[in-house]
Amino acid sequence: MAPGYGDTDSNNHTGFLTVEQGAAILVRMATLGADGPTGGFFSEDGPVPW
């Protein structure tokens, strides 16, 4: 999962997403059902090619 560029201490608060916005994809993916997507790379916008 790619939580995006969050505004945190780690990047000296230069990120453009809040911590809550960055956590949204993590929570969504952690609560998917057994039929959810697997084996991919995902951002808040959906699958990310790699």
N, C-alpha and C. Protein backbone atom coordinates (compact mmCIF):
# COMPACT_ATOMS: atom_id res chain seq x y z
N MET A 1 0.84 -1.16 0.00
CA MET A 1 0.00 0.00 0.00
C MET A 1 0.89 1.23 0.00
N ALA A 2 0.39 2.25 -0.65
CA ALA A 2 1.09 3.53 -0.71
C ALA A 2 0.23 4.58 -0.02
N PRO A 3 0.60 4.97 1.19
CA PRO A 3 -0.23 5.92 1.91
C PRO A 3 -0.10 7.37 1.42
N GLY A 4 0.76 7.60 0.47
CA GLY A 4 0.94 8.97 -0.04
C GLY A 4 1.97 9.73 0.77
N TYR A 5 2.18 10.97 0.40
CA TYR A 5 3.21 11.80 1.04
C TYR A 5 2.57 12.55 2.19
N GLY A 6 2.64 11.93 3.36
CA GLY A 6 2.00 12.49 4.55
C GLY A 6 2.87 13.49 5.27
N ASP A 7 2.23 14.40 5.94
CA ASP A 7 2.87 15.45 6.72
C ASP A 7 3.24 14.89 8.09
N THR A 8 4.49 14.44 8.23
CA THR A 8 4.93 13.80 9.47
C THR A 8 6.27 14.37 9.93
N ASP A 9 6.66 13.98 11.13
CA ASP A 9 7.98 14.36 11.64
C ASP A 9 9.09 13.80 10.75
N SER A 10 8.85 12.63 10.17
CA SER A 10 9.88 11.96 9.36
C SER A 10 10.33 12.78 8.16
N ASN A 11 9.43 13.61 7.61
CA ASN A 11 9.80 14.42 6.45
C ASN A 11 9.79 15.91 6.77
N ASN A 12 9.94 16.21 8.05
CA ASN A 12 10.00 17.60 8.50
C ASN A 12 8.74 18.38 8.13
N HIS A 13 7.62 17.67 8.12
CA HIS A 13 6.30 18.25 7.85
C HIS A 13 6.21 18.92 6.48
N THR A 14 6.79 18.25 5.47
CA THR A 14 6.70 18.78 4.11
C THR A 14 5.66 18.04 3.28
N GLY A 15 5.01 17.03 3.85
CA GLY A 15 4.00 16.27 3.13
C GLY A 15 2.73 17.07 2.91
N PHE A 16 1.92 16.64 1.95
CA PHE A 16 0.69 17.36 1.63
C PHE A 16 -0.57 16.64 2.08
N LEU A 17 -0.43 15.44 2.65
CA LEU A 17 -1.57 14.71 3.20
C LEU A 17 -1.49 14.69 4.72
N THR A 18 -2.65 14.71 5.37
CA THR A 18 -2.65 14.54 6.81
C THR A 18 -2.37 13.08 7.13
N VAL A 19 -2.02 12.81 8.36
CA VAL A 19 -1.80 11.43 8.79
C VAL A 19 -3.09 10.62 8.61
N GLU A 20 -4.22 11.23 8.91
CA GLU A 20 -5.50 10.56 8.75
C GLU A 20 -5.77 10.20 7.29
N GLN A 21 -5.45 11.09 6.38
CA GLN A 21 -5.64 10.79 4.96
C GLN A 21 -4.73 9.66 4.52
N GLY A 22 -3.51 9.65 4.98
CA GLY A 22 -2.58 8.58 4.64
C GLY A 22 -2.99 7.25 5.22
N ALA A 23 -3.61 7.26 6.38
CA ALA A 23 -4.04 6.03 7.04
C ALA A 23 -5.28 5.43 6.38
N ALA A 24 -6.04 6.20 5.64
CA ALA A 24 -7.30 5.72 5.05
C ALA A 24 -7.09 4.48 4.19
N ILE A 25 -6.07 4.46 3.34
CA ILE A 25 -5.83 3.29 2.48
C ILE A 25 -5.42 2.09 3.32
N LEU A 26 -4.66 2.31 4.37
CA LEU A 26 -4.23 1.21 5.22
C LEU A 26 -5.42 0.56 5.92
N VAL A 27 -6.32 1.38 6.43
CA VAL A 27 -7.51 0.86 7.10
C VAL A 27 -8.41 0.14 6.10
N ARG A 28 -8.60 0.75 4.93
CA ARG A 28 -9.46 0.12 3.92
C ARG A 28 -8.94 -1.25 3.51
N MET A 29 -7.65 -1.35 3.26
CA MET A 29 -7.08 -2.63 2.82
C MET A 29 -7.06 -3.65 3.96
N ALA A 30 -6.85 -3.21 5.19
CA ALA A 30 -6.81 -4.13 6.33
C ALA A 30 -8.18 -4.70 6.65
N THR A 31 -9.23 -4.04 6.21
CA THR A 31 -10.58 -4.50 6.53
C THR A 31 -11.31 -5.12 5.34
N LEU A 32 -10.60 -5.41 4.26
CA LEU A 32 -11.21 -6.05 3.10
C LEU A 32 -11.65 -7.47 3.45
N GLY A 33 -12.65 -7.93 2.77
CA GLY A 33 -13.09 -9.30 2.94
C GLY A 33 -12.15 -10.27 2.23
N ALA A 34 -12.42 -11.54 2.39
CA ALA A 34 -11.58 -12.58 1.79
C ALA A 34 -11.56 -12.52 0.27
N ASP A 35 -12.56 -11.90 -0.33
CA ASP A 35 -12.62 -11.81 -1.79
C ASP A 35 -11.98 -10.52 -2.32
N GLY A 36 -11.32 -9.76 -1.46
CA GLY A 36 -10.68 -8.51 -1.87
C GLY A 36 -9.44 -8.75 -2.71
N PRO A 37 -8.89 -7.69 -3.31
CA PRO A 37 -7.70 -7.84 -4.16
C PRO A 37 -6.47 -8.24 -3.35
N THR A 38 -5.60 -8.99 -3.99
CA THR A 38 -4.34 -9.41 -3.36
C THR A 38 -3.22 -9.33 -4.39
N GLY A 39 -2.00 -9.37 -3.91
CA GLY A 39 -0.84 -9.45 -4.79
C GLY A 39 -0.61 -8.22 -5.64
N GLY A 40 -1.08 -7.07 -5.19
CA GLY A 40 -0.89 -5.84 -5.96
C GLY A 40 -0.36 -4.72 -5.10
N PHE A 41 -0.19 -3.58 -5.71
CA PHE A 41 0.27 -2.37 -5.04
C PHE A 41 -0.86 -1.36 -5.17
N PHE A 42 -1.35 -0.84 -4.06
CA PHE A 42 -2.54 -0.03 -4.07
C PHE A 42 -2.33 1.31 -3.38
N SER A 43 -2.95 2.34 -3.92
CA SER A 43 -3.00 3.66 -3.29
C SER A 43 -4.46 3.98 -3.02
N GLU A 44 -4.73 5.12 -2.49
CA GLU A 44 -6.10 5.54 -2.22
C GLU A 44 -6.92 5.60 -3.51
N ASP A 45 -6.25 5.81 -4.63
CA ASP A 45 -6.94 5.90 -5.93
C ASP A 45 -7.15 4.54 -6.60
N GLY A 46 -6.62 3.47 -6.02
CA GLY A 46 -6.78 2.15 -6.59
C GLY A 46 -5.46 1.50 -6.91
N PRO A 47 -5.45 0.49 -7.79
CA PRO A 47 -4.22 -0.22 -8.14
C PRO A 47 -3.18 0.70 -8.76
N VAL A 48 -1.92 0.48 -8.40
CA VAL A 48 -0.81 1.26 -8.94
C VAL A 48 0.06 0.30 -9.75
N PRO A 49 0.29 0.59 -11.03
CA PRO A 49 1.15 -0.30 -11.82
C PRO A 49 2.60 -0.24 -11.32
N TRP A 50 3.25 -1.38 -11.37
CA TRP A 50 4.66 -1.44 -11.00
C TRP A 50 5.27 -2.56 -11.69
